[in-house]
Amino acid sequence: MKKILYISLAAATVFFGSCSQDKFEDAYRDPSKVTTTTVPKQFAGFMKINFEDVIPSYWNYYTVLRSTSLTYTQAHGFVNSTGRYIPGAAVNDRWGRYYKFITQYRELEKVMASLSTAEQTENRIYTITSTIYLYDHTAKMVDNFGDIPFSEAGKIGTTGGNYASAAPKYDNQTELYVKILDDLKAFSAELSSITLSTKVDLEFKNQDLINKGDLTSWKNYCNSLRLRILNRVSAVPSLASRANSEIAEIIAEAKIVDENAENIAFRVYTQDIDLDTSGFIDALEGAYNNVAPKPMIDHMNANSDPREAWLFEKGETATVFEGLDPTLTSGVQQQLLVDGKIAVYNRSVISRNKWLPGTLINAAEVNLILAEYYSRNGNGVTAKTYFEKAIRQSVEYYVRLGDKADVLTWKPTTEPTAAQINAYITNINFDGATTAADRLQLIAFQKYIHYNIMQADEAWAEQRRLKLPVLIFQEDETSTIRKTPPTRWTYPNSESVYNADNYNAVKANDNLSTKIFWDVK
């Protein structure tokens, strides 16, 4: 924690930045030179600081995801190298970035608290929306680590630089999820009635890097995030009833991300600043990070999935799509890759597309959640409606990603027809899944395809929760630590050194086998 605390003390407003380098140069100055800030500027700085966790980037994909979530979910094909199931130092980067992020949130709280009561009321929208965004990423941290410092984290700026006072306790993961759900429910209600002054409305639209000040989009984001979290805890005995009842309430309110036009994302609007996918090509195409996984390719081949050519390219010397078999020896795998036999993620649509959005939540994901909810509650007919809607949206989503492709070499020349999409849905045969368990297998596989490498955190969480799809992993017989994919990430070593007292309270669970609280199957 020492490094994190130092950063938050020395630069209370870190990494200000926004949408045009020339226009906003004065507004988002060098953080080492910033002496004062405002609520709107701090809000934008807070949203900007972790953009590499959202917009596809070199740091997140190559440093963190390549050796963790992408491998554990078989979102990409990987060589069976020694130590492949041990997260290692990669997670330190995600940990450190999150705590820079939360430090900026605490600074926003601090600036807000300095305002008069009337000004706080006028600027309330910044508190609501920043907390929704914070909770999205906080839930991901819980999903990866379990208990995390939260309620006391990032407060060095309010302790006068007293490190001992700022060392944060670890919040209980279940209690933190409950707090997130409670607050999101309250925010949803507030967003239904809040009005903005002319001044705040203009400022908020200028500083909101995600929804450009659109309150309907924030309401949809809030409720869709609630859906995701409620569904994730739906098998936890103490939360199952709440999950079902509140999902029903959200459906009745009908304020969710229901169509692709409503997707919530950190979008790229210009190539003139660092809020873009610069470096993603090296992250994905380097070290065979873009290799196609066999389970996904086999399904697509067998069922004529219209997404296949938009998500993947055939190997350079191959005549058919072929994914990398995870059960082969590393030597055989390496030779297949060298020989150009294995498919890769489409370079035009994915890795060389400089306009890829940073996905936060989208319609296909939401409707797969609803399909699972209805199936779980015995309504297979309605589940089918949402399941098929989600597939159509997923196809549309990946086709539309290619609209702004910079390099057209590998972009398919024709879009999937309605007949092709219908044929794929027929091949999947949801009607033939007569039990909830059978339907869940189909739903889980569609999550696997739709999330792929684009939503790696959600893919890993859902696969641990559902134990679906059933994937085969070759055990790492050379490892004495972990032979199969872990159930969580371990804490950075710095925690045991610089936050020792608080770390010791959770030390017993700091291993690769402890399950996250919602992982009950």
Protein backbone atom coordinates (compact mmCIF):
# COMPACT_ATOMS: atom_id res chain seq x y z
CA MET A 1 0.00 0.00 0.00
CA LYS A 2 2.98 2.35 0.46
CA LYS A 3 3.22 3.11 -3.24
CA ILE A 4 -0.50 3.75 -3.49
CA LEU A 5 -0.57 6.02 -0.47
CA TYR A 6 2.40 8.03 -1.74
CA ILE A 7 0.74 8.63 -5.09
CA SER A 8 -2.48 9.82 -3.50
CA LEU A 9 -0.62 12.17 -1.13
CA ALA A 10 1.74 13.71 -3.69
CA ALA A 11 -0.88 14.14 -6.40
CA ALA A 12 -4.32 14.56 -4.96
CA THR A 13 -5.83 14.95 -8.40
CA VAL A 14 -4.11 12.42 -10.64
CA PHE A 15 -4.36 12.05 -14.40
CA PHE A 16 -6.83 14.70 -15.38
CA GLY A 17 -7.70 14.35 -19.04
CA SER A 18 -10.57 14.47 -21.44
CA CYS A 19 -11.74 14.62 -24.99
CA SER A 20 -9.51 17.05 -26.92
CA GLN A 21 -5.91 17.76 -26.10
CA ASP A 22 -5.90 21.36 -27.26
CA LYS A 23 -9.31 22.33 -25.86
CA PHE A 24 -8.86 20.73 -22.47
CA GLU A 25 -5.16 21.30 -21.87
CA ASP A 26 -5.87 24.01 -19.32
CA ALA A 27 -8.75 22.17 -17.68
CA TYR A 28 -6.75 18.98 -17.09
CA ARG A 29 -3.31 20.14 -16.16
CA ASP A 30 -0.24 18.18 -15.16
CA PRO A 31 -1.36 16.58 -11.86
CA SER A 32 1.93 17.48 -10.19
CA LYS A 33 1.04 21.15 -10.78
CA VAL A 34 -2.61 20.98 -9.76
CA THR A 35 -3.33 22.88 -6.56
CA THR A 36 -7.10 23.25 -6.82
CA THR A 37 -9.87 21.41 -8.57
CA THR A 38 -13.61 21.48 -9.02
CA VAL A 39 -16.29 18.83 -8.83
CA PRO A 40 -16.75 18.57 -12.65
CA LYS A 41 -12.99 18.38 -13.31
CA GLN A 42 -12.39 15.88 -10.52
CA PHE A 43 -15.28 13.79 -11.84
CA ALA A 44 -13.71 13.61 -15.32
CA GLY A 45 -10.29 12.89 -13.85
CA PHE A 46 -11.74 10.05 -11.79
CA MET A 47 -13.41 8.49 -14.83
CA LYS A 48 -10.32 8.88 -16.97
CA ILE A 49 -7.71 7.41 -14.65
CA ASN A 50 -8.70 3.75 -15.13
CA PHE A 51 -9.65 3.91 -18.81
CA GLU A 52 -7.12 1.18 -19.61
CA ASP A 53 -9.24 -1.23 -17.54
CA VAL A 54 -12.10 -0.55 -19.96
CA ILE A 55 -10.87 0.50 -23.40
CA PRO A 56 -8.82 -2.36 -24.93
CA SER A 57 -5.21 -1.50 -24.14
CA TYR A 58 -1.74 -2.96 -24.08
CA TRP A 59 -1.36 -2.71 -20.32
CA ASN A 60 -4.53 -4.57 -19.39
CA TYR A 61 -4.52 -7.22 -22.11
CA TYR A 62 -0.84 -8.07 -22.29
CA THR A 63 0.19 -7.50 -18.69
CA VAL A 64 -2.90 -8.74 -16.84
CA LEU A 65 -5.48 -10.61 -18.91
CA ARG A 66 -3.20 -12.59 -21.23
CA SER A 67 -1.87 -14.74 -18.41
CA THR A 68 -5.00 -14.79 -16.24
CA SER A 69 -8.67 -14.44 -17.24
CA LEU A 70 -8.24 -15.09 -20.96
CA THR A 71 -6.46 -18.35 -20.20
CA TYR A 72 -8.72 -19.46 -17.33
CA THR A 73 -11.82 -19.07 -19.51
CA GLN A 74 -10.32 -20.32 -22.79
CA ALA A 75 -11.36 -17.04 -24.35
CA HIS A 76 -8.19 -17.48 -26.36
CA GLY A 77 -6.08 -20.49 -27.21
CA PHE A 78 -2.89 -20.79 -25.18
CA VAL A 79 0.25 -22.90 -25.10
CA ASN A 80 0.53 -25.28 -22.16
CA SER A 81 3.54 -23.58 -20.60
CA THR A 82 4.84 -24.10 -17.08
CA GLY A 83 3.08 -22.03 -14.39
CA ARG A 84 0.21 -21.00 -16.65
CA TYR A 85 -2.40 -21.18 -13.86
CA ILE A 86 -0.51 -18.96 -11.39
CA PRO A 87 -1.55 -15.28 -11.65
CA GLY A 88 1.84 -13.98 -10.56
CA ALA A 89 2.82 -10.32 -10.67
CA ALA A 90 0.18 -9.45 -13.26
CA VAL A 91 -2.47 -8.88 -10.62
CA ASN A 92 -0.31 -6.26 -8.89
CA ASP A 93 -0.96 -3.89 -11.77
CA ARG A 94 -4.73 -4.29 -11.56
CA TRP A 95 -4.62 -3.82 -7.80
CA GLY A 96 -2.53 -0.67 -7.99
CA ARG A 97 -4.64 0.86 -10.74
CA TYR A 98 -7.85 0.27 -8.81
CA TYR A 99 -6.49 2.04 -5.75
CA LYS A 100 -5.38 5.03 -7.81
CA PHE A 101 -8.94 5.02 -9.12
CA ILE A 102 -10.54 4.92 -5.69
CA THR A 103 -8.17 7.62 -4.45
CA GLN A 104 -9.56 9.92 -7.13
CA TYR A 105 -13.07 9.08 -5.96
CA ARG A 106 -12.14 10.05 -2.38
CA GLU A 107 -10.79 13.35 -3.69
CA LEU A 108 -14.11 13.92 -5.45
CA GLU A 109 -15.86 13.26 -2.14
CA LYS A 110 -13.51 15.71 -0.47
CA VAL A 111 -14.20 18.47 -3.01
CA MET A 112 -17.93 17.82 -2.78
CA ALA A 113 -17.81 18.06 1.02
CA SER A 114 -16.19 21.49 0.77
CA LEU A 115 -19.27 22.89 -0.99
CA SER A 116 -22.23 24.47 0.71
CA THR A 117 -25.31 22.35 1.30
CA ALA A 118 -27.09 24.01 -1.60
CA GLU A 119 -24.12 23.43 -3.92
CA GLN A 120 -23.89 19.79 -2.87
CA THR A 121 -27.55 19.35 -3.75
CA GLU A 122 -27.06 21.08 -7.11
CA ASN A 123 -24.08 18.83 -7.92
CA ARG A 124 -25.63 15.61 -6.59
CA ILE A 125 -25.53 14.00 -10.06
CA TYR A 126 -21.75 13.75 -9.84
CA THR A 127 -21.96 11.72 -6.64
CA ILE A 128 -24.59 9.38 -8.05
CA THR A 129 -22.91 8.68 -11.37
CA SER A 130 -19.35 8.48 -10.05
CA THR A 131 -20.47 5.95 -7.45
CA ILE A 132 -22.26 3.82 -10.05
CA TYR A 133 -19.05 3.72 -12.07
CA LEU A 134 -16.98 3.03 -8.95
CA TYR A 135 -19.27 0.15 -7.97
CA ASP A 136 -18.98 -1.46 -11.41
CA HIS A 137 -15.21 -1.73 -10.98
CA THR A 138 -15.40 -2.51 -7.28
CA ALA A 139 -17.62 -5.52 -7.99
CA LYS A 140 -14.99 -6.74 -10.47
CA MET A 141 -12.30 -6.42 -7.80
CA VAL A 142 -14.42 -8.48 -5.41
CA ASP A 143 -14.99 -11.05 -8.16
CA ASN A 144 -11.24 -11.37 -8.65
CA PHE A 145 -9.92 -11.09 -5.09
CA GLY A 146 -12.75 -11.55 -2.56
CA ASP A 147 -12.42 -9.26 0.48
CA ILE A 148 -10.76 -5.97 -0.49
CA PRO A 149 -10.00 -2.65 1.21
CA PHE A 150 -12.83 -0.30 0.27
CA SER A 151 -14.56 1.76 2.95
CA GLU A 152 -11.26 3.07 4.34
CA ALA A 153 -9.23 2.95 1.11
CA GLY A 154 -7.83 5.98 -0.70
CA LYS A 155 -8.16 8.37 2.23
CA ILE A 156 -4.58 9.58 2.60
CA GLY A 157 -5.75 13.00 1.44
CA THR A 158 -8.02 13.30 4.46
CA THR A 159 -5.48 12.13 7.06
CA GLY A 160 -2.88 14.81 6.52
CA GLY A 161 -0.42 12.27 5.14
CA ASN A 162 -0.62 9.98 8.18
CA TYR A 163 0.11 6.57 6.64
CA ALA A 164 -0.85 4.60 9.75
CA SER A 165 -4.27 6.23 9.91
CA ALA A 166 -4.80 5.69 6.18
CA ALA A 167 -3.96 1.97 6.15
CA PRO A 168 -7.33 0.46 5.17
CA LYS A 169 -9.10 -2.57 6.58
CA TYR A 170 -10.44 -5.27 4.26
CA ASP A 171 -14.21 -5.10 3.78
CA ASN A 172 -16.15 -8.34 3.83
CA GLN A 173 -17.01 -9.27 0.24
CA THR A 174 -20.61 -10.29 0.94
CA GLU A 175 -21.31 -7.13 2.92
CA LEU A 176 -19.70 -5.02 0.21
CA TYR A 177 -21.90 -6.61 -2.46
CA VAL A 178 -24.97 -5.89 -0.29
CA LYS A 179 -23.92 -2.27 0.12
CA ILE A 180 -23.45 -1.94 -3.63
CA LEU A 181 -26.91 -3.39 -4.26
CA ASP A 182 -28.52 -1.16 -1.64
CA ASP A 183 -26.92 1.99 -3.00
CA LEU A 184 -27.61 1.17 -6.66
CA LYS A 185 -31.28 0.61 -5.85
CA ALA A 186 -31.42 4.02 -4.17
CA PHE A 187 -29.58 5.66 -7.06
CA SER A 188 -32.04 4.17 -9.53
CA ALA A 189 -34.89 5.82 -7.66
CA GLU A 190 -33.04 9.15 -7.50
CA LEU A 191 -32.30 9.13 -11.21
CA SER A 192 -36.02 8.90 -11.89
CA SER A 193 -36.70 12.26 -10.30
CA ILE A 194 -33.47 14.27 -10.35
CA THR A 195 -33.36 17.53 -12.26
CA LEU A 196 -30.23 19.46 -13.18
CA SER A 197 -29.71 23.20 -13.19
CA THR A 198 -28.75 24.71 -16.53
CA LYS A 199 -25.18 25.19 -15.31
CA VAL A 200 -24.74 21.62 -14.02
CA ASP A 201 -26.47 20.12 -17.04
CA LEU A 202 -23.96 21.77 -19.39
CA GLU A 203 -20.94 20.94 -17.24
CA PHE A 204 -22.04 17.36 -16.70
CA LYS A 205 -22.49 16.75 -20.44
CA ASN A 206 -18.98 18.10 -21.05
CA GLN A 207 -17.29 16.08 -18.31
CA ASP A 208 -19.18 12.77 -18.54
CA LEU A 209 -16.81 10.55 -20.54
CA ILE A 210 -19.24 7.63 -20.73
CA ASN A 211 -22.82 8.76 -21.26
CA LYS A 212 -22.26 12.40 -22.25
CA GLY A 213 -24.67 13.59 -19.59
CA ASP A 214 -27.60 11.42 -20.70
CA LEU A 215 -29.57 10.64 -17.52
CA THR A 216 -31.59 7.88 -19.22
CA SER A 217 -28.37 6.09 -20.07
CA TRP A 218 -27.17 6.39 -16.49
CA LYS A 219 -30.48 4.96 -15.26
CA ASN A 220 -30.14 2.06 -17.72
CA TYR A 221 -26.54 1.51 -16.64
CA CYS A 222 -27.47 1.55 -12.96
CA ASN A 223 -30.29 -0.99 -13.34
CA SER A 224 -28.37 -3.23 -15.72
CA LEU A 225 -25.45 -3.30 -13.31
CA ARG A 226 -27.92 -4.26 -10.59
CA LEU A 227 -29.18 -7.08 -12.81
CA ARG A 228 -25.65 -8.39 -13.33
CA ILE A 229 -24.84 -8.33 -9.61
CA LEU A 230 -28.19 -9.74 -8.50
CA ASN A 231 -27.88 -12.60 -10.96
CA ARG A 232 -24.36 -13.33 -9.74
CA VAL A 233 -25.59 -13.81 -6.17
CA SER A 234 -28.78 -15.64 -7.14
CA ALA A 235 -27.53 -18.97 -5.74
CA VAL A 236 -26.23 -17.51 -2.46
CA PRO A 237 -28.79 -18.68 0.16
CA SER A 238 -28.92 -15.37 2.03
CA LEU A 239 -29.42 -13.35 -1.17
CA ALA A 240 -31.40 -15.65 -3.47
CA SER A 241 -34.82 -14.27 -2.52
CA ARG A 242 -33.66 -10.70 -2.88
CA ALA A 243 -32.10 -11.47 -6.25
CA ASN A 244 -35.31 -12.87 -7.69
CA SER A 245 -37.60 -10.17 -6.29
CA GLU A 246 -35.42 -7.24 -7.32
CA ILE A 247 -34.77 -8.62 -10.80
CA ALA A 248 -38.56 -8.81 -11.20
CA GLU A 249 -38.84 -5.18 -10.05
CA ILE A 250 -36.20 -4.04 -12.52
CA ILE A 251 -37.91 -5.88 -15.38
CA ALA A 252 -41.22 -4.25 -14.48
CA GLU A 253 -39.63 -0.80 -14.49
CA ALA A 254 -38.19 -1.49 -17.98
CA LYS A 255 -35.24 0.87 -17.53
CA ILE A 256 -32.34 -1.31 -18.64
CA VAL A 257 -29.92 -1.69 -21.54
CA ASP A 258 -32.26 -3.58 -23.84
CA GLU A 259 -31.01 -2.71 -27.34
CA ASN A 260 -27.55 -2.23 -28.81
CA ALA A 261 -28.27 1.45 -29.28
CA GLU A 262 -28.41 1.69 -25.49
CA ASN A 263 -25.10 -0.09 -24.80
CA ILE A 264 -22.95 1.48 -22.10
CA ALA A 265 -19.33 1.89 -23.12
CA PHE A 266 -16.26 4.06 -22.84
CA ARG A 267 -16.21 5.08 -26.51
CA VAL A 268 -13.29 6.30 -28.59
CA TYR A 269 -14.13 9.60 -30.31
CA THR A 270 -10.71 10.75 -31.51
CA GLN A 271 -7.23 9.39 -32.11
CA ASP A 272 -5.62 12.66 -30.95
CA ILE A 273 -5.39 11.78 -27.25
CA ASP A 274 -4.63 8.71 -25.16
CA LEU A 275 -8.27 7.68 -24.70
CA ASP A 276 -7.99 5.13 -27.50
CA THR A 277 -6.92 1.57 -28.23
CA SER A 278 -3.31 2.49 -29.00
CA GLY A 279 -1.16 -0.53 -28.23
CA PHE A 280 -3.97 -3.07 -28.47
CA ILE A 281 -2.56 -4.50 -31.68
CA ASP A 282 0.69 -5.41 -29.91
CA ALA A 283 -1.15 -6.70 -26.85
CA LEU A 284 -3.37 -9.06 -28.81
CA GLU A 285 -1.16 -10.10 -31.67
CA GLY A 286 1.99 -10.43 -29.58
CA ALA A 287 2.93 -13.76 -27.93
CA TYR A 288 0.02 -15.56 -29.66
CA ASN A 289 -2.51 -13.74 -27.50
CA ASN A 290 -5.03 -13.65 -30.36
CA VAL A 291 -5.22 -17.42 -30.95
CA ALA A 292 -8.69 -18.90 -31.41
CA PRO A 293 -9.88 -21.37 -28.73
CA LYS A 294 -10.99 -24.82 -29.85
CA PRO A 295 -14.32 -25.03 -27.91
CA MET A 296 -15.58 -21.78 -29.42
CA ILE A 297 -14.43 -22.59 -32.96
CA ASP A 298 -15.82 -26.13 -32.82
CA HIS A 299 -19.23 -24.80 -31.81
CA MET A 300 -19.19 -22.17 -34.53
CA ASN A 301 -18.19 -24.70 -37.18
CA ALA A 302 -20.82 -27.23 -36.10
CA ASN A 303 -23.66 -24.72 -35.96
CA SER A 304 -22.75 -22.22 -38.72
CA ASP A 305 -22.38 -19.35 -36.30
CA PRO A 306 -22.67 -16.11 -38.33
CA ARG A 307 -20.26 -14.38 -35.92
CA GLU A 308 -17.34 -16.64 -36.81
CA ALA A 309 -15.89 -14.66 -39.71
CA TRP A 310 -16.35 -11.39 -37.81
CA LEU A 311 -14.60 -12.64 -34.71
CA PHE A 312 -11.94 -14.84 -36.32
CA GLU A 313 -9.74 -15.40 -39.37
CA LYS A 314 -8.58 -18.75 -40.65
CA GLY A 315 -4.94 -19.62 -40.02
CA GLU A 316 -2.59 -18.34 -42.72
CA THR A 317 -2.15 -21.81 -44.26
CA ALA A 318 -5.52 -23.26 -43.25
CA THR A 319 -8.58 -23.83 -45.40
CA VAL A 320 -10.98 -24.13 -42.44
CA PHE A 321 -11.35 -22.47 -39.05
CA GLU A 322 -9.44 -24.44 -36.42
CA GLY A 323 -8.98 -23.58 -32.75
CA LEU A 324 -5.99 -24.49 -30.59
CA ASP A 325 -6.59 -27.74 -28.69
CA PRO A 326 -5.83 -27.20 -24.97
CA THR A 327 -5.16 -30.92 -24.42
CA LEU A 328 -2.18 -31.11 -26.78
CA THR A 329 1.39 -30.93 -25.59
CA SER A 330 3.07 -27.55 -25.79
CA GLY A 331 5.40 -28.76 -28.53
CA VAL A 332 2.56 -29.85 -30.80
CA GLN A 333 0.67 -26.62 -30.08
CA GLN A 334 3.69 -24.49 -30.91
CA GLN A 335 4.20 -26.28 -34.23
CA LEU A 336 0.56 -25.74 -35.23
CA LEU A 337 0.97 -22.05 -34.52
CA VAL A 338 4.25 -21.78 -36.40
CA ASP A 339 2.71 -23.61 -39.36
CA GLY A 340 -0.19 -21.13 -39.49
CA LYS A 341 -2.87 -23.78 -38.98
CA ILE A 342 -4.75 -22.09 -36.15
CA ALA A 343 -7.34 -19.33 -36.50
CA VAL A 344 -6.80 -15.96 -34.84
CA TYR A 345 -9.07 -13.13 -33.73
CA ASN A 346 -10.02 -10.98 -36.70
CA ARG A 347 -7.43 -8.26 -37.17
CA SER A 348 -9.71 -5.84 -39.02
CA VAL A 349 -12.64 -6.05 -36.61
CA ILE A 350 -10.74 -6.58 -33.36
CA SER A 351 -6.99 -6.16 -32.88
CA ARG A 352 -6.29 -3.44 -35.48
CA ASN A 353 -9.52 -1.57 -34.96
CA LYS A 354 -8.56 1.68 -33.25
CA TRP A 355 -12.18 2.53 -32.49
CA LEU A 356 -13.11 -0.42 -30.29
CA PRO A 357 -15.28 0.73 -27.39
CA GLY A 358 -14.51 -0.08 -23.80
CA THR A 359 -17.49 -2.27 -22.96
CA LEU A 360 -19.19 -1.70 -19.61
CA ILE A 361 -22.49 -3.48 -20.22
CA ASN A 362 -24.44 -4.28 -23.37
CA ALA A 363 -27.80 -5.53 -24.54
CA ALA A 364 -26.79 -9.10 -25.41
CA GLU A 365 -25.31 -9.55 -21.93
CA VAL A 366 -28.43 -8.14 -20.25
CA ASN A 367 -30.78 -10.35 -22.24
CA LEU A 368 -28.73 -13.47 -21.51
CA ILE A 369 -29.07 -12.58 -17.83
CA LEU A 370 -32.83 -12.30 -18.28
CA ALA A 371 -32.91 -15.61 -20.16
CA GLU A 372 -31.17 -17.24 -17.20
CA TYR A 373 -33.54 -15.58 -14.73
CA TYR A 374 -36.68 -16.79 -16.52
CA SER A 375 -35.28 -20.28 -17.03
CA ARG A 376 -34.28 -20.53 -13.38
CA ASN A 377 -37.84 -19.65 -12.40
CA GLY A 378 -39.45 -22.23 -14.66
CA ASN A 379 -40.48 -19.99 -17.56
CA GLY A 380 -38.73 -21.65 -20.48
CA VAL A 381 -40.88 -19.92 -23.11
CA THR A 382 -39.94 -16.42 -22.00
CA ALA A 383 -36.35 -17.54 -21.47
CA LYS A 384 -36.25 -18.57 -25.13
CA THR A 385 -37.44 -15.12 -26.22
CA TYR A 386 -34.60 -13.38 -24.40
CA PHE A 387 -32.07 -16.04 -25.40
CA GLU A 388 -32.77 -15.62 -29.09
CA LYS A 389 -32.91 -11.85 -28.79
CA ALA A 390 -29.47 -11.90 -27.17
CA ILE A 391 -28.00 -13.96 -30.01
CA ARG A 392 -29.33 -11.55 -32.62
CA GLN A 393 -27.92 -8.63 -30.64
CA SER A 394 -24.56 -10.35 -30.26
CA VAL A 395 -24.32 -10.88 -34.01
CA GLU A 396 -25.25 -7.26 -34.63
CA TYR A 397 -22.77 -6.09 -31.99
CA TYR A 398 -19.75 -7.76 -33.59
CA VAL A 399 -20.76 -6.87 -37.13
CA ARG A 400 -21.12 -3.22 -36.13
CA LEU A 401 -17.67 -3.23 -34.49
CA GLY A 402 -16.34 -3.56 -38.01
CA ASP A 403 -18.03 -0.37 -39.21
CA LYS A 404 -15.06 1.83 -38.32
CA ALA A 405 -12.33 -0.70 -39.03
CA ASP A 406 -9.11 1.05 -40.03
CA VAL A 407 -7.71 -1.94 -41.93
CA LEU A 408 -10.18 -3.73 -44.19
CA THR A 409 -7.98 -6.65 -45.27
CA TRP A 410 -9.67 -9.23 -43.07
CA LYS A 411 -13.12 -7.69 -42.71
CA PRO A 412 -15.87 -9.92 -44.18
CA THR A 413 -17.35 -8.47 -47.34
CA THR A 414 -20.98 -9.43 -46.61
CA GLU A 415 -22.99 -9.17 -43.44
CA PRO A 416 -24.93 -12.15 -42.02
CA THR A 417 -28.42 -12.43 -43.46
CA ALA A 418 -31.57 -12.91 -41.42
CA ALA A 419 -31.82 -16.42 -42.84
CA GLN A 420 -28.31 -17.28 -41.64
CA ILE A 421 -28.99 -15.94 -38.16
CA ASN A 422 -32.30 -17.84 -38.00
CA ALA A 423 -30.58 -21.02 -39.16
CA TYR A 424 -28.00 -20.70 -36.40
CA ILE A 425 -30.71 -20.19 -33.79
CA THR A 426 -32.52 -23.25 -35.13
CA ASN A 427 -29.31 -25.26 -34.91
CA ILE A 428 -28.87 -24.28 -31.26
CA ASN A 429 -32.37 -25.69 -30.62
CA PHE A 430 -33.36 -24.03 -27.36
CA ASP A 431 -36.70 -25.85 -27.59
CA GLY A 432 -34.85 -29.14 -27.25
CA ALA A 433 -33.52 -28.08 -23.85
CA THR A 434 -36.41 -29.28 -21.72
CA THR A 435 -34.89 -28.74 -18.27
CA ALA A 436 -33.48 -25.67 -16.56
CA ALA A 437 -30.09 -27.40 -16.43
CA ASP A 438 -30.12 -28.03 -20.18
CA ARG A 439 -31.18 -24.45 -20.90
CA LEU A 440 -28.45 -23.11 -18.64
CA GLN A 441 -25.82 -24.97 -20.64
CA LEU A 442 -26.99 -23.20 -23.81
CA ILE A 443 -27.16 -19.81 -22.10
CA ALA A 444 -23.71 -20.23 -20.56
CA PHE A 445 -22.17 -21.11 -23.91
CA GLN A 446 -23.64 -18.01 -25.50
CA LYS A 447 -22.10 -15.97 -22.69
CA TYR A 448 -18.79 -17.65 -23.46
CA ILE A 449 -19.01 -16.65 -27.12
CA HIS A 450 -20.36 -13.15 -26.57
CA TYR A 451 -17.89 -12.22 -23.82
CA ASN A 452 -14.86 -13.87 -25.55
CA ILE A 453 -11.82 -11.61 -25.04
CA MET A 454 -13.89 -8.43 -24.95
CA GLN A 455 -15.33 -8.90 -21.46
CA ALA A 456 -12.76 -11.09 -19.79
CA ASP A 457 -13.65 -10.23 -16.18
CA GLU A 458 -17.30 -11.11 -16.67
CA ALA A 459 -16.43 -14.30 -18.53
CA TRP A 460 -14.24 -15.58 -15.70
CA ALA A 461 -16.78 -14.68 -13.02
CA GLU A 462 -19.64 -16.37 -14.85
CA GLN A 463 -17.68 -19.54 -15.59
CA ARG A 464 -16.69 -19.90 -11.95
CA ARG A 465 -20.24 -19.25 -10.82
CA LEU A 466 -21.96 -21.61 -13.27
CA LYS A 467 -19.18 -24.19 -13.83
CA LEU A 468 -20.27 -23.81 -17.46
CA PRO A 469 -19.42 -24.27 -20.20
CA VAL A 470 -17.54 -27.43 -19.27
CA LEU A 471 -14.00 -26.83 -20.53
CA ILE A 472 -11.10 -29.26 -20.58
CA PHE A 473 -7.77 -28.04 -19.25
CA GLN A 474 -4.49 -29.92 -19.38
CA GLU A 475 -3.09 -30.06 -15.86
CA ASP A 476 0.22 -28.31 -15.25
CA GLU A 477 2.12 -31.25 -13.80
CA THR A 478 5.27 -29.15 -13.40
CA SER A 479 3.63 -26.82 -10.87
CA THR A 480 3.62 -27.47 -7.14
CA ILE A 481 1.33 -24.47 -6.56
CA ARG A 482 -1.58 -24.79 -8.99
CA LYS A 483 -2.23 -27.45 -11.62
CA THR A 484 -5.60 -26.12 -12.86
CA PRO A 485 -7.12 -22.61 -13.16
CA PRO A 486 -7.49 -20.85 -9.78
CA THR A 487 -10.72 -19.68 -8.18
CA ARG A 488 -9.38 -16.22 -7.29
CA TRP A 489 -6.32 -14.00 -7.57
CA THR A 490 -3.99 -13.65 -4.60
CA TYR A 491 -3.20 -10.28 -3.02
CA PRO A 492 -0.04 -8.40 -4.01
CA ASN A 493 2.96 -9.03 -1.77
CA SER A 494 3.00 -5.34 -0.91
CA GLU A 495 -0.13 -5.82 1.18
CA SER A 496 1.63 -8.12 3.65
CA VAL A 497 4.46 -5.58 3.94
CA TYR A 498 2.76 -2.19 4.01
CA ASN A 499 -0.72 -3.06 5.26
CA ALA A 500 0.30 -5.97 7.45
CA ASP A 501 -2.18 -5.69 10.32
CA ASN A 502 -5.18 -5.55 8.01
CA TYR A 503 -3.77 -8.15 5.64
CA ASN A 504 -3.27 -10.59 8.51
CA ALA A 505 -7.03 -10.55 9.12
CA VAL A 506 -7.60 -12.09 5.66
CA LYS A 507 -4.32 -13.96 5.25
CA ALA A 508 -5.89 -17.38 5.84
CA ASN A 509 -7.98 -17.00 2.68
CA ASP A 510 -5.19 -15.63 0.52
CA ASN A 511 -4.63 -18.63 -1.72
CA LEU A 512 -5.60 -19.75 -5.21
CA SER A 513 -8.24 -22.21 -3.97
CA THR A 514 -10.48 -20.00 -1.82
CA LYS A 515 -13.77 -19.36 -3.60
CA ILE A 516 -15.49 -16.00 -3.96
CA PHE A 517 -18.65 -15.95 -1.84
CA TRP A 518 -21.03 -16.33 -4.82
CA ASP A 519 -19.13 -19.40 -6.07
CA VAL A 520 -21.36 -21.96 -4.34
CA LYS A 521 -21.71 -24.78 -6.89
